[in-house]
Amino acid sequence: MVAVAAAVARVGVANAAAVAARVIVDPAAVVVFLAAIVAAAPEVLIAQVVLVGRVLLVVLLAALVVLVAKVVRVVAAMVRVIGPVVVKQQHNFYRRLRWTSIHRMRPLMP
């Protein structure tokens, strides 16, 4: 926490993203980080808030990508299991349909 406070004390606009990423990992440093942002000049405050927002956006997008990848993996596994069963059922359905239509067209024997 002291290291984060020291980094926040000398943070510039370029280092705000790195400090924000470190704060995300260490929740106890959030208070120190916010206090340093509030104590800063208004233009630095705005720049740091914007960069922290961008870092949070990137983290949320990365989490969304991981979630979508997991969903795609589960759906692919389901298709691998269920797919052949559906294809087999369709094949049997069309084979029976063709058989009945062929035998329905046959003339009746006297």
PDB file of N, CA and C in Angstrom:
ATOM      1  N   MET A   1       0.824  -1.186   0.000  1.00  0.00           N
ATOM      2  CA  MET A   1       0.000   0.000   0.000  1.00  0.00           C
ATOM      3  C   MET A   1       0.873   1.256   0.000  1.00  0.00           C
ATOM      4  N   VAL A   2       1.993   1.198   0.709  1.00  0.00           N
ATOM      5  CA  VAL A   2       2.904   2.336   0.731  1.00  0.00           C
ATOM      6  C   VAL A   2       3.520   2.547  -0.638  1.00  0.00           C
ATOM      7  N   ALA A   3       3.825   1.441  -1.328  1.00  0.00           N
ATOM      8  CA  ALA A   3       4.389   1.554  -2.673  1.00  0.00           C
ATOM      9  C   ALA A   3       3.387   2.187  -3.627  1.00  0.00           C
ATOM     10  N   VAL A   4       2.131   1.824  -3.495  1.00  0.00           N
ATOM     11  CA  VAL A   4       1.106   2.418  -4.352  1.00  0.00           C
ATOM     12  C   VAL A   4       0.938   3.889  -4.026  1.00  0.00           C
ATOM     13  N   ALA A   5       0.976   4.232  -2.723  1.00  0.00           N
ATOM     14  CA  ALA A   5       0.850   5.641  -2.338  1.00  0.00           C
ATOM     15  C   ALA A   5       2.014   6.460  -2.891  1.00  0.00           C
ATOM     16  N   ALA A   6       3.222   5.893  -2.844  1.00  0.00           N
ATOM     17  CA  ALA A   6       4.381   6.599  -3.391  1.00  0.00           C
ATOM     18  C   ALA A   6       4.260   6.746  -4.902  1.00  0.00           C
ATOM     19  N   ALA A   7       3.766   5.712  -5.558  1.00  0.00           N
ATOM     20  CA  ALA A   7       3.600   5.792  -7.008  1.00  0.00           C
ATOM     21  C   ALA A   7       2.521   6.803  -7.364  1.00  0.00           C
ATOM     22  N   VAL A   8       1.455   6.850  -6.568  1.00  0.00           N
ATOM     23  CA  VAL A   8       0.383   7.803  -6.835  1.00  0.00           C
ATOM     24  C   VAL A   8       0.871   9.228  -6.595  1.00  0.00           C
ATOM     25  N   ALA A   9       1.733   9.405  -5.600  1.00  0.00           N
ATOM     26  CA  ALA A   9       2.231  10.744  -5.285  1.00  0.00           C
ATOM     27  C   ALA A   9       3.020  11.336  -6.442  1.00  0.00           C
ATOM     28  N   ARG A  10       3.756  10.501  -7.155  1.00  0.00           N
ATOM     29  CA  ARG A  10       4.559  11.025  -8.262  1.00  0.00           C
ATOM     30  C   ARG A  10       3.987  10.642  -9.629  1.00  0.00           C
ATOM     31  N   VAL A  11       2.733  10.212  -9.651  1.00  0.00           N
ATOM     32  CA  VAL A  11       2.146   9.743 -10.899  1.00  0.00           C
ATOM     33  C   VAL A  11       1.917  10.916 -11.848  1.00  0.00           C
ATOM     34  N   GLY A  12       2.136  10.639 -13.105  1.00  0.00           N
ATOM     35  CA  GLY A  12       1.791  11.576 -14.161  1.00  0.00           C
ATOM     36  C   GLY A  12       0.669  10.972 -14.976  1.00  0.00           C
ATOM     37  N   VAL A  13       0.312  11.670 -16.023  1.00  0.00           N
ATOM     38  CA  VAL A  13      -0.761  11.163 -16.870  1.00  0.00           C
ATOM     39  C   VAL A  13      -0.338   9.852 -17.525  1.00  0.00           C
ATOM     40  N   ALA A  14       0.945   9.713 -17.849  1.00  0.00           N
ATOM     41  CA  ALA A  14       1.416   8.510 -18.537  1.00  0.00           C
ATOM     42  C   ALA A  14       1.392   7.289 -17.626  1.00  0.00           C
ATOM     43  N   ASN A  15       1.592   7.488 -16.311  1.00  0.00           N
ATOM     44  CA  ASN A  15       1.666   6.345 -15.402  1.00  0.00           C
ATOM     45  C   ASN A  15       0.334   6.025 -14.731  1.00  0.00           C
ATOM     46  N   ALA A  16      -0.691   6.796 -15.002  1.00  0.00           N
ATOM     47  CA  ALA A  16      -1.965   6.601 -14.302  1.00  0.00           C
ATOM     48  C   ALA A  16      -2.565   5.234 -14.597  1.00  0.00           C
ATOM     49  N   ALA A  17      -2.401   4.745 -15.812  1.00  0.00           N
ATOM     50  CA  ALA A  17      -2.970   3.435 -16.166  1.00  0.00           C
ATOM     51  C   ALA A  17      -2.282   2.317 -15.390  1.00  0.00           C
ATOM     52  N   ALA A  18      -0.957   2.410 -15.249  1.00  0.00           N
ATOM     53  CA  ALA A  18      -0.232   1.378 -14.504  1.00  0.00           C
ATOM     54  C   ALA A  18      -0.633   1.395 -13.031  1.00  0.00           C
ATOM     55  N   VAL A  19      -0.779   2.586 -12.478  1.00  0.00           N
ATOM     56  CA  VAL A  19      -1.192   2.686 -11.078  1.00  0.00           C
ATOM     57  C   VAL A  19      -2.618   2.171 -10.917  1.00  0.00           C
ATOM     58  N   ALA A  20      -3.484   2.498 -11.868  1.00  0.00           N
ATOM     59  CA  ALA A  20      -4.865   2.023 -11.792  1.00  0.00           C
ATOM     60  C   ALA A  20      -4.916   0.500 -11.857  1.00  0.00           C
ATOM     61  N   ALA A  21      -4.089  -0.100 -12.714  1.00  0.00           N
ATOM     62  CA  ALA A  21      -4.059  -1.563 -12.798  1.00  0.00           C
ATOM     63  C   ALA A  21      -3.581  -2.163 -11.484  1.00  0.00           C
ATOM     64  N   ARG A  22      -2.619  -1.518 -10.835  1.00  0.00           N
ATOM     65  CA  ARG A  22      -2.133  -2.019  -9.553  1.00  0.00           C
ATOM     66  C   ARG A  22      -3.192  -1.870  -8.469  1.00  0.00           C
ATOM     67  N   VAL A  23      -3.969  -0.781  -8.530  1.00  0.00           N
ATOM     68  CA  VAL A  23      -5.039  -0.569  -7.559  1.00  0.00           C
ATOM     69  C   VAL A  23      -6.125  -1.622  -7.729  1.00  0.00           C
ATOM     70  N   ILE A  24      -6.409  -2.004  -8.980  1.00  0.00           N
ATOM     71  CA  ILE A  24      -7.431  -3.032  -9.222  1.00  0.00           C
ATOM     72  C   ILE A  24      -7.016  -4.345  -8.560  1.00  0.00           C
ATOM     73  N   VAL A  25      -5.700  -4.647  -8.616  1.00  0.00           N
ATOM     74  CA  VAL A  25      -5.214  -5.880  -8.009  1.00  0.00           C
ATOM     75  C   VAL A  25      -5.235  -5.787  -6.483  1.00  0.00           C
ATOM     76  N   ASP A  26      -4.964  -4.586  -5.915  1.00  0.00           N
ATOM     77  CA  ASP A  26      -4.872  -4.405  -4.463  1.00  0.00           C
ATOM     78  C   ASP A  26      -6.015  -3.512  -3.987  1.00  0.00           C
ATOM     79  N   PRO A  27      -7.126  -4.085  -3.551  1.00  0.00           N
ATOM     80  CA  PRO A  27      -8.281  -3.260  -3.154  1.00  0.00           C
ATOM     81  C   PRO A  27      -8.003  -2.341  -1.972  1.00  0.00           C
ATOM     82  N   ALA A  28      -7.033  -2.680  -1.139  1.00  0.00           N
ATOM     83  CA  ALA A  28      -6.744  -1.834   0.019  1.00  0.00           C
ATOM     84  C   ALA A  28      -6.144  -0.499  -0.396  1.00  0.00           C
ATOM     85  N   ALA A  29      -5.595  -0.412  -1.589  1.00  0.00           N
ATOM     86  CA  ALA A  29      -4.964   0.824  -2.042  1.00  0.00           C
ATOM     87  C   ALA A  29      -5.949   1.771  -2.716  1.00  0.00           C
ATOM     88  N   VAL A  30      -7.190   1.391  -2.834  1.00  0.00           N
ATOM     89  CA  VAL A  30      -8.178   2.232  -3.514  1.00  0.00           C
ATOM     90  C   VAL A  30      -8.345   3.563  -2.785  1.00  0.00           C
ATOM     91  N   VAL A  31      -8.381   3.536  -1.467  1.00  0.00           N
ATOM     92  CA  VAL A  31      -8.574   4.760  -0.685  1.00  0.00           C
ATOM     93  C   VAL A  31      -7.404   5.703  -0.897  1.00  0.00           C
ATOM     94  N   VAL A  32      -6.182   5.180  -0.865  1.00  0.00           N
ATOM     95  CA  VAL A  32      -4.989   6.015  -1.065  1.00  0.00           C
ATOM     96  C   VAL A  32      -4.987   6.594  -2.471  1.00  0.00           C
ATOM     97  N   PHE A  33      -5.362   5.777  -3.436  1.00  0.00           N
ATOM     98  CA  PHE A  33      -5.374   6.243  -4.822  1.00  0.00           C
ATOM     99  C   PHE A  33      -6.396   7.355  -5.013  1.00  0.00           C
ATOM    100  N   LEU A  34      -7.591   7.163  -4.466  1.00  0.00           N
ATOM    101  CA  LEU A  34      -8.626   8.188  -4.594  1.00  0.00           C
ATOM    102  C   LEU A  34      -8.236   9.475  -3.865  1.00  0.00           C
ATOM    103  N   ALA A  35      -7.589   9.356  -2.707  1.00  0.00           N
ATOM    104  CA  ALA A  35      -7.147  10.545  -1.979  1.00  0.00           C
ATOM    105  C   ALA A  35      -6.104  11.311  -2.774  1.00  0.00           C
ATOM    106  N   ALA A  36      -5.193  10.602  -3.427  1.00  0.00           N
ATOM    107  CA  ALA A  36      -4.177  11.275  -4.232  1.00  0.00           C
ATOM    108  C   ALA A  36      -4.799  11.941  -5.452  1.00  0.00           C
ATOM    109  N   ILE A  37      -5.820  11.319  -6.038  1.00  0.00           N
ATOM    110  CA  ILE A  37      -6.486  11.925  -7.192  1.00  0.00           C
ATOM    111  C   ILE A  37      -7.224  13.199  -6.772  1.00  0.00           C
ATOM    112  N   VAL A  38      -7.910  13.142  -5.639  1.00  0.00           N
ATOM    113  CA  VAL A  38      -8.661  14.309  -5.181  1.00  0.00           C
ATOM    114  C   VAL A  38      -7.715  15.451  -4.830  1.00  0.00           C
ATOM    115  N   ALA A  39      -6.530  15.120  -4.294  1.00  0.00           N
ATOM    116  CA  ALA A  39      -5.573  16.156  -3.908  1.00  0.00           C
ATOM    117  C   ALA A  39      -4.869  16.765  -5.111  1.00  0.00           C
ATOM    118  N   ALA A  40      -4.964  16.166  -6.277  1.00  0.00           N
ATOM    119  CA  ALA A  40      -4.261  16.646  -7.461  1.00  0.00           C
ATOM    120  C   ALA A  40      -4.980  17.854  -8.062  1.00  0.00           C
ATOM    121  N   ALA A  41      -4.316  18.457  -9.014  1.00  0.00           N
ATOM    122  CA  ALA A  41      -4.906  19.595  -9.724  1.00  0.00           C
ATOM    123  C   ALA A  41      -6.089  19.094 -10.573  1.00  0.00           C
ATOM    124  N   PRO A  42      -7.034  19.982 -10.908  1.00  0.00           N
ATOM    125  CA  PRO A  42      -8.229  19.539 -11.646  1.00  0.00           C
ATOM    126  C   PRO A  42      -7.928  18.887 -12.996  1.00  0.00           C
ATOM    127  N   GLU A  43      -6.943  19.433 -13.741  1.00  0.00           N
ATOM    128  CA  GLU A  43      -6.665  18.825 -15.053  1.00  0.00           C
ATOM    129  C   GLU A  43      -6.035  17.448 -14.910  1.00  0.00           C
ATOM    130  N   VAL A  44      -5.208  17.274 -13.870  1.00  0.00           N
ATOM    131  CA  VAL A  44      -4.635  15.949 -13.614  1.00  0.00           C
ATOM    132  C   VAL A  44      -5.730  15.000 -13.144  1.00  0.00           C
ATOM    133  N   LEU A  45      -6.632  15.524 -12.342  1.00  0.00           N
ATOM    134  CA  LEU A  45      -7.759  14.723 -11.862  1.00  0.00           C
ATOM    135  C   LEU A  45      -8.582  14.178 -13.024  1.00  0.00           C
ATOM    136  N   ILE A  46      -8.909  15.038 -13.966  1.00  0.00           N
ATOM    137  CA  ILE A  46      -9.704  14.610 -15.119  1.00  0.00           C
ATOM    138  C   ILE A  46      -8.950  13.577 -15.947  1.00  0.00           C
ATOM    139  N   ALA A  47      -7.657  13.835 -16.188  1.00  0.00           N
ATOM    140  CA  ALA A  47      -6.863  12.898 -16.992  1.00  0.00           C
ATOM    141  C   ALA A  47      -6.746  11.543 -16.296  1.00  0.00           C
ATOM    142  N   GLN A  48      -6.558  11.553 -14.988  1.00  0.00           N
ATOM    143  CA  GLN A  48      -6.422  10.281 -14.266  1.00  0.00           C
ATOM    144  C   GLN A  48      -7.746   9.522 -14.227  1.00  0.00           C
ATOM    145  N   VAL A  49      -8.832  10.245 -14.046  1.00  0.00           N
ATOM    146  CA  VAL A  49     -10.139   9.574 -14.044  1.00  0.00           C
ATOM    147  C   VAL A  49     -10.425   8.951 -15.411  1.00  0.00           C
ATOM    148  N   VAL A  50     -10.071   9.679 -16.473  1.00  0.00           N
ATOM    149  CA  VAL A  50     -10.280   9.143 -17.818  1.00  0.00           C
ATOM    150  C   VAL A  50      -9.436   7.891 -18.037  1.00  0.00           C
ATOM    151  N   LEU A  51      -8.180   7.925 -17.602  1.00  0.00           N
ATOM    152  CA  LEU A  51      -7.314   6.755 -17.789  1.00  0.00           C
ATOM    153  C   LEU A  51      -7.763   5.572 -16.929  1.00  0.00           C
ATOM    154  N   VAL A  52      -8.195   5.849 -15.708  1.00  0.00           N
ATOM    155  CA  VAL A  52      -8.708   4.762 -14.868  1.00  0.00           C
ATOM    156  C   VAL A  52      -9.955   4.163 -15.506  1.00  0.00           C
ATOM    157  N   GLY A  53     -10.804   5.027 -16.059  1.00  0.00           N
ATOM    158  CA  GLY A  53     -11.989   4.522 -16.757  1.00  0.00           C
ATOM    159  C   GLY A  53     -11.623   3.658 -17.947  1.00  0.00           C
ATOM    160  N   ARG A  54     -10.589   4.055 -18.663  1.00  0.00           N
ATOM    161  CA  ARG A  54     -10.159   3.240 -19.810  1.00  0.00           C
ATOM    162  C   ARG A  54      -9.614   1.898 -19.363  1.00  0.00           C
ATOM    163  N   VAL A  55      -8.848   1.904 -18.281  1.00  0.00           N
ATOM    164  CA  VAL A  55      -8.311   0.635 -17.767  1.00  0.00           C
ATOM    165  C   VAL A  55      -9.451  -0.271 -17.323  1.00  0.00           C
ATOM    166  N   LEU A  56     -10.418   0.294 -16.620  1.00  0.00           N
ATOM    167  CA  LEU A  56     -11.563  -0.517 -16.194  1.00  0.00           C
ATOM    168  C   LEU A  56     -12.349  -1.049 -17.394  1.00  0.00           C
ATOM    169  N   LEU A  57     -12.470  -0.231 -18.426  1.00  0.00           N
ATOM    170  CA  LEU A  57     -13.159  -0.673 -19.638  1.00  0.00           C
ATOM    171  C   LEU A  57     -12.420  -1.830 -20.297  1.00  0.00           C
ATOM    172  N   VAL A  58     -11.103  -1.745 -20.350  1.00  0.00           N
ATOM    173  CA  VAL A  58     -10.309  -2.828 -20.940  1.00  0.00           C
ATOM    174  C   VAL A  58     -10.451  -4.102 -20.115  1.00  0.00           C
ATOM    175  N   VAL A  59     -10.438  -3.953 -18.774  1.00  0.00           N
ATOM    176  CA  VAL A  59     -10.596  -5.131 -17.916  1.00  0.00           C
ATOM    177  C   VAL A  59     -11.970  -5.765 -18.121  1.00  0.00           C
ATOM    178  N   LEU A  60     -13.005  -4.942 -18.201  1.00  0.00           N
ATOM    179  CA  LEU A  60     -14.357  -5.483 -18.418  1.00  0.00           C
ATOM    180  C   LEU A  60     -14.488  -6.133 -19.794  1.00  0.00           C
ATOM    181  N   LEU A  61     -13.863  -5.537 -20.812  1.00  0.00           N
ATOM    182  CA  LEU A  61     -13.919  -6.150 -22.142  1.00  0.00           C
ATOM    183  C   LEU A  61     -13.178  -7.485 -22.165  1.00  0.00           C
ATOM    184  N   ALA A  62     -12.054  -7.550 -21.462  1.00  0.00           N
ATOM    185  CA  ALA A  62     -11.317  -8.816 -21.390  1.00  0.00           C
ATOM    186  C   ALA A  62     -12.155  -9.883 -20.689  1.00  0.00           C
ATOM    187  N   ALA A  63     -12.843  -9.500 -19.621  1.00  0.00           N
ATOM    188  CA  ALA A  63     -13.716 -10.454 -18.930  1.00  0.00           C
ATOM    189  C   ALA A  63     -14.854 -10.906 -19.838  1.00  0.00           C
ATOM    190  N   LEU A  64     -15.387  -9.978 -20.639  1.00  0.00           N
ATOM    191  CA  LEU A  64     -16.451 -10.328 -21.574  1.00  0.00           C
ATOM    192  C   LEU A  64     -15.950 -11.298 -22.644  1.00  0.00           C
ATOM    193  N   VAL A  65     -14.749 -11.073 -23.139  1.00  0.00           N
ATOM    194  CA  VAL A  65     -14.172 -11.975 -24.144  1.00  0.00           C
ATOM    195  C   VAL A  65     -13.987 -13.371 -23.560  1.00  0.00           C
ATOM    196  N   VAL A  66     -13.513 -13.443 -22.319  1.00  0.00           N
ATOM    197  CA  VAL A  66     -13.340 -14.755 -21.671  1.00  0.00           C
ATOM    198  C   VAL A  66     -14.680 -15.450 -21.501  1.00  0.00           C
ATOM    199  N   LEU A  67     -15.698 -14.695 -21.103  1.00  0.00           N
ATOM    200  CA  LEU A  67     -17.031 -15.269 -20.928  1.00  0.00           C
ATOM    201  C   LEU A  67     -17.600 -15.776 -22.244  1.00  0.00           C
ATOM    202  N   VAL A  68     -17.449 -15.002 -23.308  1.00  0.00           N
ATOM    203  CA  VAL A  68     -17.942 -15.422 -24.628  1.00  0.00           C
ATOM    204  C   VAL A  68     -17.199 -16.665 -25.094  1.00  0.00           C
ATOM    205  N   ALA A  69     -15.894 -16.725 -24.844  1.00  0.00           N
ATOM    206  CA  ALA A  69     -15.125 -17.911 -25.237  1.00  0.00           C
ATOM    207  C   ALA A  69     -15.616 -19.152 -24.501  1.00  0.00           C
ATOM    208  N   LYS A  70     -15.944 -19.003 -23.227  1.00  0.00           N
ATOM    209  CA  LYS A  70     -16.460 -20.153 -22.479  1.00  0.00           C
ATOM    210  C   LYS A  70     -17.814 -20.594 -23.012  1.00  0.00           C
ATOM    211  N   VAL A  71     -18.676 -19.640 -23.326  1.00  0.00           N
ATOM    212  CA  VAL A  71     -19.994 -19.980 -23.867  1.00  0.00           C
ATOM    213  C   VAL A  71     -19.846 -20.686 -25.212  1.00  0.00           C
ATOM    214  N   VAL A  72     -18.955 -20.185 -26.057  1.00  0.00           N
ATOM    215  CA  VAL A  72     -18.731 -20.818 -27.369  1.00  0.00           C
ATOM    216  C   VAL A  72     -18.209 -22.234 -27.188  1.00  0.00           C
ATOM    217  N   ARG A  73     -17.330 -22.445 -26.217  1.00  0.00           N
ATOM    218  CA  ARG A  73     -16.795 -23.781 -25.970  1.00  0.00           C
ATOM    219  C   ARG A  73     -17.893 -24.739 -25.522  1.00  0.00           C
ATOM    220  N   VAL A  74     -18.792 -24.264 -24.647  1.00  0.00           N
ATOM    221  CA  VAL A  74     -19.893 -25.112 -24.176  1.00  0.00           C
ATOM    222  C   VAL A  74     -20.852 -25.433 -25.319  1.00  0.00           C
ATOM    223  N   VAL A  75     -21.177 -24.439 -26.137  1.00  0.00           N
ATOM    224  CA  VAL A  75     -22.083 -24.671 -27.268  1.00  0.00           C
ATOM    225  C   VAL A  75     -21.457 -25.634 -28.267  1.00  0.00           C
ATOM    226  N   ALA A  76     -20.158 -25.502 -28.508  1.00  0.00           N
ATOM    227  CA  ALA A  76     -19.485 -26.423 -29.429  1.00  0.00           C
ATOM    228  C   ALA A  76     -19.525 -27.857 -28.900  1.00  0.00           C
ATOM    229  N   ALA A  77     -19.344 -28.017 -27.606  1.00  0.00           N
ATOM    230  CA  ALA A  77     -19.423 -29.365 -27.027  1.00  0.00           C
ATOM    231  C   ALA A  77     -20.831 -29.928 -27.151  1.00  0.00           C
ATOM    232  N   MET A  78     -21.838 -29.085 -26.943  1.00  0.00           N
ATOM    233  CA  MET A  78     -23.217 -29.552 -27.086  1.00  0.00           C
ATOM    234  C   MET A  78     -23.509 -29.955 -28.526  1.00  0.00           C
ATOM    235  N   VAL A  79     -23.020 -29.177 -29.484  1.00  0.00           N
ATOM    236  CA  VAL A  79     -23.257 -29.509 -30.895  1.00  0.00           C
ATOM    237  C   VAL A  79     -22.572 -30.815 -31.253  1.00  0.00           C
ATOM    238  N   ARG A  80     -21.368 -31.046 -30.691  1.00  0.00           N
ATOM    239  CA  ARG A  80     -20.678 -32.299 -30.976  1.00  0.00           C
ATOM    240  C   ARG A  80     -21.445 -33.500 -30.443  1.00  0.00           C
ATOM    241  N   VAL A  81     -22.119 -33.328 -29.302  1.00  0.00           N
ATOM    242  CA  VAL A  81     -22.852 -34.444 -28.708  1.00  0.00           C
ATOM    243  C   VAL A  81     -24.209 -34.615 -29.373  1.00  0.00           C
ATOM    244  N   ILE A  82     -24.938 -33.516 -29.563  1.00  0.00           N
ATOM    245  CA  ILE A  82     -26.316 -33.585 -30.043  1.00  0.00           C
ATOM    246  C   ILE A  82     -26.388 -33.671 -31.566  1.00  0.00           C
ATOM    247  N   GLY A  83     -25.412 -33.104 -32.258  1.00  0.00           N
ATOM    248  CA  GLY A  83     -25.445 -33.032 -33.716  1.00  0.00           C
ATOM    249  C   GLY A  83     -25.662 -34.359 -34.412  1.00  0.00           C
ATOM    250  N   PRO A  84     -24.857 -35.378 -34.123  1.00  0.00           N
ATOM    251  CA  PRO A  84     -25.064 -36.676 -34.809  1.00  0.00           C
ATOM    252  C   PRO A  84     -26.427 -37.292 -34.546  1.00  0.00           C
ATOM    253  N   VAL A  85     -26.978 -37.085 -33.359  1.00  0.00           N
ATOM    254  CA  VAL A  85     -28.302 -37.628 -33.049  1.00  0.00           C
ATOM    255  C   VAL A  85     -29.348 -36.973 -33.935  1.00  0.00           C
ATOM    256  N   VAL A  86     -29.270 -35.659 -34.084  1.00  0.00           N
ATOM    257  CA  VAL A  86     -30.247 -34.943 -34.911  1.00  0.00           C
ATOM    258  C   VAL A  86     -30.111 -35.369 -36.368  1.00  0.00           C
ATOM    259  N   VAL A  87     -28.882 -35.480 -36.844  1.00  0.00           N
ATOM    260  CA  VAL A  87     -28.665 -35.898 -38.237  1.00  0.00           C
ATOM    261  C   VAL A  87     -29.221 -37.302 -38.465  1.00  0.00           C
ATOM    262  N   LYS A  88     -29.007 -38.202 -37.521  1.00  0.00           N
ATOM    263  CA  LYS A  88     -29.516 -39.568 -37.649  1.00  0.00           C
ATOM    264  C   LYS A  88     -31.045 -39.570 -37.680  1.00  0.00           C
ATOM    265  N   GLN A  89     -31.669 -38.757 -36.815  1.00  0.00           N
ATOM    266  CA  GLN A  89     -33.136 -38.689 -36.804  1.00  0.00           C
ATOM    267  C   GLN A  89     -33.661 -38.147 -38.128  1.00  0.00           C
ATOM    268  N   GLN A  90     -33.016 -37.119 -38.663  1.00  0.00           N
ATOM    269  CA  GLN A  90     -33.450 -36.578 -39.950  1.00  0.00           C
ATOM    270  C   GLN A  90     -33.285 -37.613 -41.053  1.00  0.00           C
ATOM    271  N   HIS A  91     -32.178 -38.342 -41.017  1.00  0.00           N
ATOM    272  CA  HIS A  91     -31.938 -39.351 -42.037  1.00  0.00           C
ATOM    273  C   HIS A  91     -33.028 -40.430 -41.979  1.00  0.00           C
ATOM    274  N   ASN A  92     -33.350 -40.887 -40.767  1.00  0.00           N
ATOM    275  CA  ASN A  92     -34.394 -41.905 -40.630  1.00  0.00           C
ATOM    276  C   ASN A  92     -35.744 -41.372 -41.084  1.00  0.00           C
ATOM    277  N   PHE A  93     -36.045 -40.117 -40.758  1.00  0.00           N
ATOM    278  CA  PHE A  93     -37.317 -39.527 -41.151  1.00  0.00           C
ATOM    279  C   PHE A  93     -37.451 -39.487 -42.672  1.00  0.00           C
ATOM    280  N   TYR A  94     -36.420 -38.989 -43.353  1.00  0.00           N
ATOM    281  CA  TYR A  94     -36.500 -38.889 -44.812  1.00  0.00           C
ATOM    282  C   TYR A  94     -36.466 -40.261 -45.474  1.00  0.00           C
ATOM    283  N   ARG A  95     -35.765 -41.217 -44.876  1.00  0.00           N
ATOM    284  CA  ARG A  95     -35.748 -42.557 -45.448  1.00  0.00           C
ATOM    285  C   ARG A  95     -37.137 -43.192 -45.351  1.00  0.00           C
ATOM    286  N   ARG A  96     -37.815 -43.043 -44.207  1.00  0.00           N
ATOM    287  CA  ARG A  96     -39.173 -43.562 -44.053  1.00  0.00           C
ATOM    288  C   ARG A  96     -40.144 -42.843 -44.980  1.00  0.00           C
ATOM    289  N   LEU A  97     -39.978 -41.539 -45.108  1.00  0.00           N
ATOM    290  CA  LEU A  97     -40.863 -40.764 -45.978  1.00  0.00           C
ATOM    291  C   LEU A  97     -40.724 -41.227 -47.431  1.00  0.00           C
ATOM    292  N   ARG A  98     -39.475 -41.448 -47.862  1.00  0.00           N
ATOM    293  CA  ARG A  98     -39.258 -41.902 -49.229  1.00  0.00           C
ATOM    294  C   ARG A  98     -39.850 -43.299 -49.430  1.00  0.00           C
ATOM    295  N   TRP A  99     -39.676 -44.192 -48.477  1.00  0.00           N
ATOM    296  CA  TRP A  99     -40.200 -45.546 -48.587  1.00  0.00           C
ATOM    297  C   TRP A  99     -41.724 -45.517 -48.697  1.00  0.00           C
ATOM    298  N   THR A 100     -42.386 -44.729 -47.858  1.00  0.00           N
ATOM    299  CA  THR A 100     -43.852 -44.705 -47.913  1.00  0.00           C
ATOM    300  C   THR A 100     -44.339 -44.066 -49.194  1.00  0.00           C
ATOM    301  N   SER A 101     -43.643 -43.020 -49.675  1.00  0.00           N
ATOM    302  CA  SER A 101     -44.118 -42.389 -50.907  1.00  0.00           C
ATOM    303  C   SER A 101     -43.924 -43.319 -52.102  1.00  0.00           C
ATOM    304  N   ILE A 102     -42.853 -44.100 -52.132  1.00  0.00           N
ATOM    305  CA  ILE A 102     -42.641 -45.052 -53.235  1.00  0.00           C
ATOM    306  C   ILE A 102     -43.729 -46.130 -53.212  1.00  0.00           C
ATOM    307  N   HIS A 103     -44.016 -46.663 -52.048  1.00  0.00           N
ATOM    308  CA  HIS A 103     -44.990 -47.743 -51.966  1.00  0.00           C
ATOM    309  C   HIS A 103     -46.426 -47.242 -52.095  1.00  0.00           C
ATOM    310  N   ARG A 104     -46.630 -45.966 -51.838  1.00  0.00           N
ATOM    311  CA  ARG A 104     -47.962 -45.423 -52.033  1.00  0.00           C
ATOM    312  C   ARG A 104     -48.272 -45.271 -53.528  1.00  0.00           C
ATOM    313  N   MET A 105     -47.234 -45.035 -54.327  1.00  0.00           N
ATOM    314  CA  MET A 105     -47.462 -44.839 -55.761  1.00  0.00           C
ATOM    315  C   MET A 105     -47.634 -46.161 -56.500  1.00  0.00           C
ATOM    316  N   ARG A 106     -47.323 -47.280 -55.884  1.00  0.00           N
ATOM    317  CA  ARG A 106     -47.436 -48.558 -56.560  1.00  0.00           C
ATOM    318  C   ARG A 106     -48.909 -48.903 -56.785  1.00  0.00           C
ATOM    319  N   PRO A 107     -49.253 -49.335 -57.951  1.00  0.00           N
ATOM    320  CA  PRO A 107     -50.678 -49.660 -58.201  1.00  0.00           C
ATOM    321  C   PRO A 107     -51.114 -50.877 -57.392  1.00  0.00           C
ATOM    322  N   LEU A 108     -52.375 -50.906 -57.079  1.00  0.00           N
ATOM    323  CA  LEU A 108     -52.902 -52.036 -56.329  1.00  0.00           C
ATOM    324  C   LEU A 108     -52.978 -53.271 -57.219  1.00  0.00           C
ATOM    325  N   MET A 109     -52.591 -54.387 -56.671  1.00  0.00           N
ATOM    326  CA  MET A 109     -52.651 -55.630 -57.436  1.00  0.00           C
ATOM    327  C   MET A 109     -54.073 -56.216 -57.315  1.00  0.00           C
ATOM    328  N   PRO A 110     -54.664 -56.636 -58.441  1.00  0.00           N
ATOM    329  CA  PRO A 110     -56.030 -57.207 -58.360  1.00  0.00           C
ATOM    330  C   PRO A 110     -56.039 -58.590 -57.749  1.00  0.00           C
TER     331      PRO A 110
END
